[in-house]
Protein backbone atom coordinates (compact mmCIF):
# COMPACT_ATOMS: atom_id res chain seq x y z
CA MET A 1 61.44 83.27 51.96
CA ARG A 2 63.99 84.96 50.44
CA ARG A 3 63.16 88.25 48.66
CA SER A 4 65.08 87.93 45.21
CA GLY A 5 63.14 90.37 43.96
CA TRP A 6 65.42 92.73 45.25
CA ALA A 7 68.51 91.66 43.29
CA GLY A 8 69.96 93.56 41.30
CA ALA A 9 67.68 96.42 41.79
CA GLY A 10 70.33 98.68 43.48
CA VAL A 11 70.42 100.05 46.93
CA ALA A 12 67.47 101.58 48.33
CA VAL A 13 68.26 104.62 51.05
CA GLY A 14 65.67 105.60 53.62
CA LEU A 15 65.26 107.37 56.82
CA LEU A 16 63.54 105.15 60.17
CA PHE A 17 62.53 106.81 63.27
CA VAL A 18 61.27 104.00 66.17
CA THR A 19 59.47 104.37 68.74
CA GLY A 20 59.15 100.90 70.34
CA CYS A 21 58.93 97.20 69.59
CA GLY A 22 55.99 95.24 69.48
CA GLY A 23 55.54 91.60 69.39
CA GLY A 24 55.69 89.23 66.29
CA GLY A 25 52.01 88.96 66.16
CA GLY A 26 49.46 91.47 64.98
CA ASN A 27 48.01 92.74 68.38
CA GLY A 28 50.80 94.54 69.48
CA SER A 29 50.86 91.99 72.69
CA ALA A 30 54.08 91.42 74.21
CA PRO A 31 54.93 87.89 73.92
CA ALA A 32 55.93 85.21 77.15
CA VAL A 33 59.49 85.46 78.24
CA ASP A 34 60.84 82.13 78.34
CA PRO A 35 62.32 81.56 81.76
CA ALA A 36 65.17 79.73 79.87
CA LEU A 37 65.17 82.35 77.58
CA ALA A 38 65.56 84.96 80.17
CA LYS A 39 68.44 83.17 81.79
CA ALA A 40 70.82 82.33 79.08
CA VAL A 41 70.38 85.95 77.77
CA ASN A 42 71.28 87.34 80.71
CA LYS A 43 73.91 85.13 81.63
CA ASN A 44 75.77 85.55 79.02
CA CYS A 45 74.81 88.60 76.64
CA GLY A 46 75.85 90.95 80.29
CA HIS A 47 72.74 91.97 80.88
CA PHE A 48 72.90 94.18 77.55
CA LEU A 49 70.09 92.37 75.79
CA LYS A 50 66.76 92.44 77.32
CA PRO A 51 64.94 89.30 77.51
CA GLU A 52 61.23 90.41 76.40
CA SER A 53 63.39 92.55 73.53
CA VAL A 54 65.06 89.21 72.19
CA ALA A 55 61.70 87.24 72.69
CA ALA A 56 59.75 89.86 70.62
CA ALA A 57 62.78 89.44 68.09
CA LEU A 58 62.34 86.01 67.79
CA GLY A 59 59.02 85.84 67.60
CA ASP A 60 57.03 82.11 66.14
CA ASN A 61 60.89 80.96 66.44
CA THR A 62 61.30 78.05 69.17
CA PHE A 63 64.81 79.35 71.64
CA ASP A 64 67.10 76.90 71.40
CA GLY A 65 70.45 78.50 73.34
CA THR A 66 72.92 81.02 73.23
CA LEU A 67 76.49 80.84 71.90
CA GLY A 68 79.68 83.21 73.14
CA LYS A 69 79.83 85.28 76.02
CA ILE A 70 80.19 89.04 76.94
CA GLN A 71 82.88 89.33 78.84
CA GLY A 72 82.37 92.66 81.08
CA ASP A 73 81.48 95.73 78.70
CA LYS A 74 82.63 94.03 75.19
CA GLY A 75 82.46 90.58 72.93
CA SER A 76 80.00 88.91 71.75
CA CYS A 77 76.83 86.73 72.02
CA SER A 78 74.42 84.88 69.92
CA ILE A 79 71.19 83.53 70.22
CA THR A 80 70.22 80.22 68.47
CA VAL A 81 66.83 78.54 67.82
CA SER A 82 65.81 74.95 67.13
CA VAL A 83 64.39 74.27 63.28
CA ARG A 84 63.71 71.03 60.83
CA GLU A 85 66.02 70.22 58.23
CA ALA A 86 64.82 72.20 55.06
CA GLY A 87 62.55 70.42 52.98
CA ARG A 88 61.87 67.54 55.76
CA GLY A 89 58.27 69.60 56.63
CA THR A 90 57.46 68.95 60.36
CA SER A 91 58.69 65.43 60.71
CA GLY A 92 62.43 66.32 60.37
CA PRO A 93 65.01 66.06 63.11
CA ARG A 94 65.60 69.84 64.36
CA HIS A 95 69.13 71.61 64.75
CA SER A 96 70.42 74.90 65.93
CA ASP A 97 70.74 78.01 63.88
CA VAL A 98 71.88 81.33 64.73
CA LYS A 99 69.28 83.72 64.53
CA LEU A 100 70.67 87.01 66.50
CA SER A 101 73.71 87.88 67.41
CA LEU A 102 75.25 91.09 69.36
CA GLU A 103 79.17 92.35 69.04
CA ILE A 104 80.53 94.74 71.35
CA LEU A 105 83.52 96.61 70.70
CA SER A 106 85.50 98.66 72.72
CA TRP A 107 87.62 101.82 71.35
CA LYS A 108 90.03 104.00 72.69
CA ASP A 109 88.05 107.33 70.66
CA PRO A 110 84.11 107.60 70.62
CA ALA A 111 84.68 109.92 67.31
CA LEU A 112 86.39 107.03 65.67
CA VAL A 113 83.61 105.03 66.90
CA ALA A 114 81.11 107.50 65.04
CA GLN A 115 83.16 107.54 61.95
CA SER A 116 83.32 104.16 61.58
CA VAL A 117 79.53 103.61 62.30
CA ASP A 118 78.49 106.46 60.14
CA GLU A 119 80.95 104.64 57.15
CA VAL A 120 79.23 101.46 56.79
CA CYS A 121 75.91 103.62 56.81
CA HIS A 122 76.34 105.20 53.63
CA ASN A 123 78.36 102.72 52.28
CA THR A 124 76.18 101.84 49.27
CA SER A 125 78.59 100.34 46.77
CA ALA A 126 79.51 97.54 49.87
CA VAL A 127 79.23 94.21 49.10
CA ALA A 128 75.85 92.87 48.70
CA VAL A 129 74.05 95.94 49.91
CA THR A 130 70.27 95.93 49.07
CA GLU A 131 69.07 98.70 51.58
CA ILE A 132 70.53 100.95 53.70
CA PHE A 133 67.91 103.17 56.46
CA GLN A 134 68.99 105.36 58.84
CA GLY A 135 68.09 105.19 62.32
CA PRO A 136 68.41 107.11 65.43
CA LYS A 137 71.66 108.59 66.89
CA GLY A 138 73.41 107.48 63.85
CA ALA A 139 72.53 104.25 63.67
CA CYS A 140 71.33 102.58 60.57
CA SER A 141 70.05 98.95 59.28
CA VAL A 142 71.73 97.63 56.12
CA TRP A 143 69.86 94.73 54.75
CA ARG A 144 71.50 92.24 52.19
CA ALA A 145 68.80 90.22 50.11
CA GLU A 146 71.17 87.92 48.92
CA PRO A 147 74.13 87.61 50.85
CA THR A 148 77.14 85.89 50.36
CA GLU A 149 76.13 83.13 53.20
CA GLU A 150 73.57 81.53 50.87
CA PHE A 151 71.93 79.42 54.24
CA LEU A 152 70.68 82.62 55.34
CA VAL A 153 67.33 82.16 52.92
CA GLY A 154 65.35 86.08 53.50
CA GLY A 155 68.48 87.74 53.77
CA LYS A 156 70.94 88.90 56.64
CA LEU A 157 70.35 92.40 58.67
CA ASP A 158 72.85 94.07 60.39
CA VAL A 159 72.05 97.14 62.46
CA HIS A 160 75.18 99.44 63.30
CA GLY A 161 75.77 102.13 65.87
CA GLY A 162 78.00 103.33 68.82
CA GLU A 163 77.74 104.67 72.42
CA GLY A 164 80.74 106.64 73.95
CA THR A 165 83.91 104.73 72.87
CA LYS A 166 81.73 101.26 72.01
CA ARG A 167 80.93 100.25 68.74
CA ILE A 168 77.69 98.01 68.26
CA THR A 169 76.46 95.55 65.92
CA ILE A 170 73.04 93.50 66.08
CA THR A 171 72.55 91.04 63.70
CA VAL A 172 69.35 89.44 62.24
CA HIS A 173 70.50 86.42 60.38
CA GLY A 174 67.76 85.08 58.28
CA VAL A 175 65.06 87.61 57.56
CA ASP A 176 61.52 86.22 58.86
CA GLY A 177 58.34 87.83 58.41
CA THR A 178 58.54 91.38 56.69
CA LEU A 179 61.72 93.00 56.67
CA LYS A 180 60.49 95.95 58.86
CA GLN A 181 59.24 94.33 61.78
CA ASP A 182 62.80 92.69 62.07
CA ARG A 183 64.19 96.37 61.50
CA GLU A 184 62.08 97.62 64.48
CA HIS A 185 63.33 94.64 66.53
CA ALA A 186 66.77 94.50 66.00
CA LEU A 187 66.73 98.47 66.40
CA GLN A 188 64.90 98.19 69.67
CA LEU A 189 67.99 95.92 71.04
CA LEU A 190 70.43 98.53 69.64
CA ALA A 191 68.45 100.92 72.15
CA ASP A 192 68.37 98.60 74.63
CA VAL A 193 72.44 98.32 74.51
CA ARG A 194 73.27 101.75 74.33
CA ALA A 195 70.85 102.56 77.53
CA GLU A 196 72.68 99.67 79.23
CA ILE A 197 76.13 101.13 78.37
CA SER A 198 74.70 104.64 79.25
CA ARG A 199 73.49 103.29 82.67
CA ARG A 200 76.78 101.89 83.53
CA ALA A 201 79.05 104.64 82.21
């Protein structure tokens, strides 16, 4: 559900520490990973995203496929889910919606990467920004409760970070469940990407 109560209330800035990422359920157990999800994510997202972290982030959403492909150490990929048409209940036809996306840009200067992330993470006056939470190693999450994309019920969450010369953005398209859970999942995905970049360095 769209959290319209936040709209027009100004921008909140907070601090978030993430030590791990559990599943969408209340018992903290990791969800089973669909083999099709694991294969598609590993193939098209360049092993930067861990399938178990993606499965946890998707929660109760039904994995549908991937879009785009990361070539080498840069590019973008998106994770799609199968959803019912709005207002049609459980009988409506299903279609694909992008739920999560990853973008990795390769820059020459690590200092410019850090500067870019810092600017985004402290720009509380950016268009439609509702809340910014600071994360580990200079990263942050930027939540737009009322994004310009009207179809994103629940808002859009972008997590920004850098690792060396790589500029990383993780996006949750349409915030399900609680904002806190989506933020933790997205930051865990960022941590996975950073770890893989460091491993390849």
